[in-house]
Amino acid sequence: MIDFDTYIKMGEPGGKERAEAWKTAIDIVATSQKGLSMTDM
């Protein structure tokens, strides 16, 4: 994981990178709501 200073220097991620990050986050929330762990997948 990058630190905040590195993030500021790099700037905002592009649209594709942002979309991939959102999809990952949504999948993690959906998995946790189903009571599964990542090792069950």
PDB file of N, CA and C in Angstrom:
ATOM      1  N   MET A   1       0.850  -1.182   0.000  1.00  0.00           N
ATOM      2  CA  MET A   1       0.000   0.000   0.000  1.00  0.00           C
ATOM      3  C   MET A   1       0.890   1.239   0.000  1.00  0.00           C
ATOM      4  N   ILE A   2       0.477   2.244  -0.755  1.00  0.00           N
ATOM      5  CA  ILE A   2       1.270   3.465  -0.817  1.00  0.00           C
ATOM      6  C   ILE A   2       0.869   4.413   0.300  1.00  0.00           C
ATOM      7  N   ASP A   3       1.790   5.272   0.684  1.00  0.00           N
ATOM      8  CA  ASP A   3       1.454   6.238   1.715  1.00  0.00           C
ATOM      9  C   ASP A   3       0.802   7.471   1.091  1.00  0.00           C
ATOM     10  N   PHE A   4       0.273   8.338   1.924  1.00  0.00           N
ATOM     11  CA  PHE A   4      -0.492   9.484   1.451  1.00  0.00           C
ATOM     12  C   PHE A   4       0.358  10.439   0.620  1.00  0.00           C
ATOM     13  N   ASP A   5       1.608  10.679   1.009  1.00  0.00           N
ATOM     14  CA  ASP A   5       2.472  11.589   0.247  1.00  0.00           C
ATOM     15  C   ASP A   5       2.698  11.077  -1.174  1.00  0.00           C
ATOM     16  N   THR A   6       2.897   9.786  -1.313  1.00  0.00           N
ATOM     17  CA  THR A   6       3.083   9.194  -2.645  1.00  0.00           C
ATOM     18  C   THR A   6       1.810   9.339  -3.457  1.00  0.00           C
ATOM     19  N   TYR A   7       0.672   9.131  -2.818  1.00  0.00           N
ATOM     20  CA  TYR A   7      -0.612   9.276  -3.499  1.00  0.00           C
ATOM     21  C   TYR A   7      -0.780  10.702  -4.038  1.00  0.00           C
ATOM     22  N   ILE A   8      -0.449  11.681  -3.218  1.00  0.00           N
ATOM     23  CA  ILE A   8      -0.577  13.084  -3.634  1.00  0.00           C
ATOM     24  C   ILE A   8       0.325  13.365  -4.835  1.00  0.00           C
ATOM     25  N   LYS A   9       1.548  12.855  -4.822  1.00  0.00           N
ATOM     26  CA  LYS A   9       2.479  13.075  -5.932  1.00  0.00           C
ATOM     27  C   LYS A   9       1.985  12.408  -7.216  1.00  0.00           C
ATOM     28  N   MET A  10       1.373  11.241  -7.083  1.00  0.00           N
ATOM     29  CA  MET A  10       0.908  10.497  -8.254  1.00  0.00           C
ATOM     30  C   MET A  10      -0.373  11.091  -8.834  1.00  0.00           C
ATOM     31  N   GLY A  11      -1.178  11.712  -8.009  1.00  0.00           N
ATOM     32  CA  GLY A  11      -2.454  12.252  -8.461  1.00  0.00           C
ATOM     33  C   GLY A  11      -3.542  11.208  -8.448  1.00  0.00           C
ATOM     34  N   GLU A  12      -4.702  11.608  -8.907  1.00  0.00           N
ATOM     35  CA  GLU A  12      -5.855  10.714  -8.937  1.00  0.00           C
ATOM     36  C   GLU A  12      -5.641   9.593  -9.947  1.00  0.00           C
ATOM     37  N   PRO A  13      -6.117   8.401  -9.634  1.00  0.00           N
ATOM     38  CA  PRO A  13      -6.012   7.300 -10.600  1.00  0.00           C
ATOM     39  C   PRO A  13      -6.921   7.553 -11.798  1.00  0.00           C
ATOM     40  N   GLY A  14      -6.607   6.903 -12.897  1.00  0.00           N
ATOM     41  CA  GLY A  14      -7.425   7.016 -14.098  1.00  0.00           C
ATOM     42  C   GLY A  14      -8.749   6.296 -13.939  1.00  0.00           C
ATOM     43  N   GLY A  15      -9.620   6.467 -14.907  1.00  0.00           N
ATOM     44  CA  GLY A  15     -10.957   5.877 -14.843  1.00  0.00           C
ATOM     45  C   GLY A  15     -10.951   4.367 -14.720  1.00  0.00           C
ATOM     46  N   LYS A  16     -10.107   3.690 -15.494  1.00  0.00           N
ATOM     47  CA  LYS A  16     -10.068   2.227 -15.452  1.00  0.00           C
ATOM     48  C   LYS A  16      -9.580   1.735 -14.091  1.00  0.00           C
ATOM     49  N   GLU A  17      -8.526   2.347 -13.579  1.00  0.00           N
ATOM     50  CA  GLU A  17      -7.978   1.949 -12.277  1.00  0.00           C
ATOM     51  C   GLU A  17      -9.002   2.202 -11.166  1.00  0.00           C
ATOM     52  N   ARG A  18      -9.706   3.322 -11.243  1.00  0.00           N
ATOM     53  CA  ARG A  18     -10.718   3.654 -10.244  1.00  0.00           C
ATOM     54  C   ARG A  18     -11.868   2.644 -10.311  1.00  0.00           C
ATOM     55  N   ALA A  19     -12.285   2.271 -11.513  1.00  0.00           N
ATOM     56  CA  ALA A  19     -13.372   1.305 -11.674  1.00  0.00           C
ATOM     57  C   ALA A  19     -12.982  -0.057 -11.107  1.00  0.00           C
ATOM     58  N   GLU A  20     -11.743  -0.479 -11.342  1.00  0.00           N
ATOM     59  CA  GLU A  20     -11.272  -1.757 -10.802  1.00  0.00           C
ATOM     60  C   GLU A  20     -11.247  -1.730  -9.278  1.00  0.00           C
ATOM     61  N   ALA A  21     -10.828  -0.603  -8.709  1.00  0.00           N
ATOM     62  CA  ALA A  21     -10.787  -0.478  -7.249  1.00  0.00           C
ATOM     63  C   ALA A  21     -12.198  -0.544  -6.667  1.00  0.00           C
ATOM     64  N   TRP A  22     -13.164   0.123  -7.292  1.00  0.00           N
ATOM     65  CA  TRP A  22     -14.548   0.077  -6.829  1.00  0.00           C
ATOM     66  C   TRP A  22     -15.113  -1.328  -6.928  1.00  0.00           C
ATOM     67  N   LYS A  23     -14.834  -2.024  -8.029  1.00  0.00           N
ATOM     68  CA  LYS A  23     -15.339  -3.387  -8.183  1.00  0.00           C
ATOM     69  C   LYS A  23     -14.787  -4.298  -7.086  1.00  0.00           C
ATOM     70  N   THR A  24     -13.502  -4.153  -6.799  1.00  0.00           N
ATOM     71  CA  THR A  24     -12.897  -4.955  -5.730  1.00  0.00           C
ATOM     72  C   THR A  24     -13.560  -4.656  -4.396  1.00  0.00           C
ATOM     73  N   ALA A  25     -13.763  -3.381  -4.095  1.00  0.00           N
ATOM     74  CA  ALA A  25     -14.384  -2.998  -2.830  1.00  0.00           C
ATOM     75  C   ALA A  25     -15.808  -3.542  -2.724  1.00  0.00           C
ATOM     76  N   ILE A  26     -16.567  -3.440  -3.804  1.00  0.00           N
ATOM     77  CA  ILE A  26     -17.945  -3.935  -3.805  1.00  0.00           C
ATOM     78  C   ILE A  26     -17.970  -5.450  -3.629  1.00  0.00           C
ATOM     79  N   ASP A  27     -17.059  -6.156  -4.275  1.00  0.00           N
ATOM     80  CA  ASP A  27     -16.981  -7.616  -4.124  1.00  0.00           C
ATOM     81  C   ASP A  27     -16.643  -8.013  -2.689  1.00  0.00           C
ATOM     82  N   ILE A  28     -15.754  -7.271  -2.057  1.00  0.00           N
ATOM     83  CA  ILE A  28     -15.376  -7.572  -0.666  1.00  0.00           C
ATOM     84  C   ILE A  28     -16.569  -7.367   0.260  1.00  0.00           C
ATOM     85  N   VAL A  29     -17.312  -6.274   0.068  1.00  0.00           N
ATOM     86  CA  VAL A  29     -18.492  -6.016   0.896  1.00  0.00           C
ATOM     87  C   VAL A  29     -19.536  -7.108   0.670  1.00  0.00           C
ATOM     88  N   ALA A  30     -19.775  -7.470  -0.576  1.00  0.00           N
ATOM     89  CA  ALA A  30     -20.762  -8.516  -0.872  1.00  0.00           C
ATOM     90  C   ALA A  30     -20.353  -9.835  -0.235  1.00  0.00           C
ATOM     91  N   THR A  31     -19.090 -10.157  -0.289  1.00  0.00           N
ATOM     92  CA  THR A  31     -18.589 -11.391   0.306  1.00  0.00           C
ATOM     93  C   THR A  31     -18.786 -11.383   1.813  1.00  0.00           C
ATOM     94  N   SER A  32     -18.468 -10.261   2.458  1.00  0.00           N
ATOM     95  CA  SER A  32     -18.602 -10.195   3.913  1.00  0.00           C
ATOM     96  C   SER A  32     -20.067 -10.225   4.337  1.00  0.00           C
ATOM     97  N   GLN A  33     -20.954  -9.673   3.518  1.00  0.00           N
ATOM     98  CA  GLN A  33     -22.383  -9.702   3.850  1.00  0.00           C
ATOM     99  C   GLN A  33     -22.969 -11.100   3.731  1.00  0.00           C
ATOM    100  N   LYS A  34     -22.369 -11.922   2.900  1.00  0.00           N
ATOM    101  CA  LYS A  34     -22.832 -13.304   2.743  1.00  0.00           C
ATOM    102  C   LYS A  34     -22.258 -14.211   3.829  1.00  0.00           C
ATOM    103  N   GLY A  35     -21.360 -13.679   4.643  1.00  0.00           N
ATOM    104  CA  GLY A  35     -20.768 -14.471   5.700  1.00  0.00           C
ATOM    105  C   GLY A  35     -19.651 -15.384   5.214  1.00  0.00           C
ATOM    106  N   LEU A  36     -19.117 -15.099   4.037  1.00  0.00           N
ATOM    107  CA  LEU A  36     -18.031 -15.901   3.504  1.00  0.00           C
ATOM    108  C   LEU A  36     -16.705 -15.229   3.798  1.00  0.00           C
ATOM    109  N   SER A  37     -15.666 -16.007   3.789  1.00  0.00           N
ATOM    110  CA  SER A  37     -14.325 -15.433   3.883  1.00  0.00           C
ATOM    111  C   SER A  37     -13.684 -15.572   2.512  1.00  0.00           C
ATOM    112  N   MET A  38     -12.625 -14.830   2.278  1.00  0.00           N
ATOM    113  CA  MET A  38     -11.969 -14.876   0.986  1.00  0.00           C
ATOM    114  C   MET A  38     -11.414 -16.268   0.701  1.00  0.00           C
ATOM    115  N   THR A  39     -11.133 -17.059   1.732  1.00  0.00           N
ATOM    116  CA  THR A  39     -10.609 -18.402   1.524  1.00  0.00           C
ATOM    117  C   THR A  39     -11.694 -19.369   1.051  1.00  0.00           C
ATOM    118  N   ASP A  40     -12.972 -18.998   1.201  1.00  0.00           N
ATOM    119  CA  ASP A  40     -14.071 -19.842   0.725  1.00  0.00           C
ATOM    120  C   ASP A  40     -14.239 -19.754  -0.777  1.00  0.00           C
ATOM    121  N   MET A  41     -13.648 -18.775  -1.387  1.00  0.00           N
ATOM    122  CA  MET A  41     -13.839 -18.546  -2.826  1.00  0.00           C
ATOM    123  C   MET A  41     -12.895 -19.349  -3.644  1.00  0.00           C
TER     124      MET A  41
END
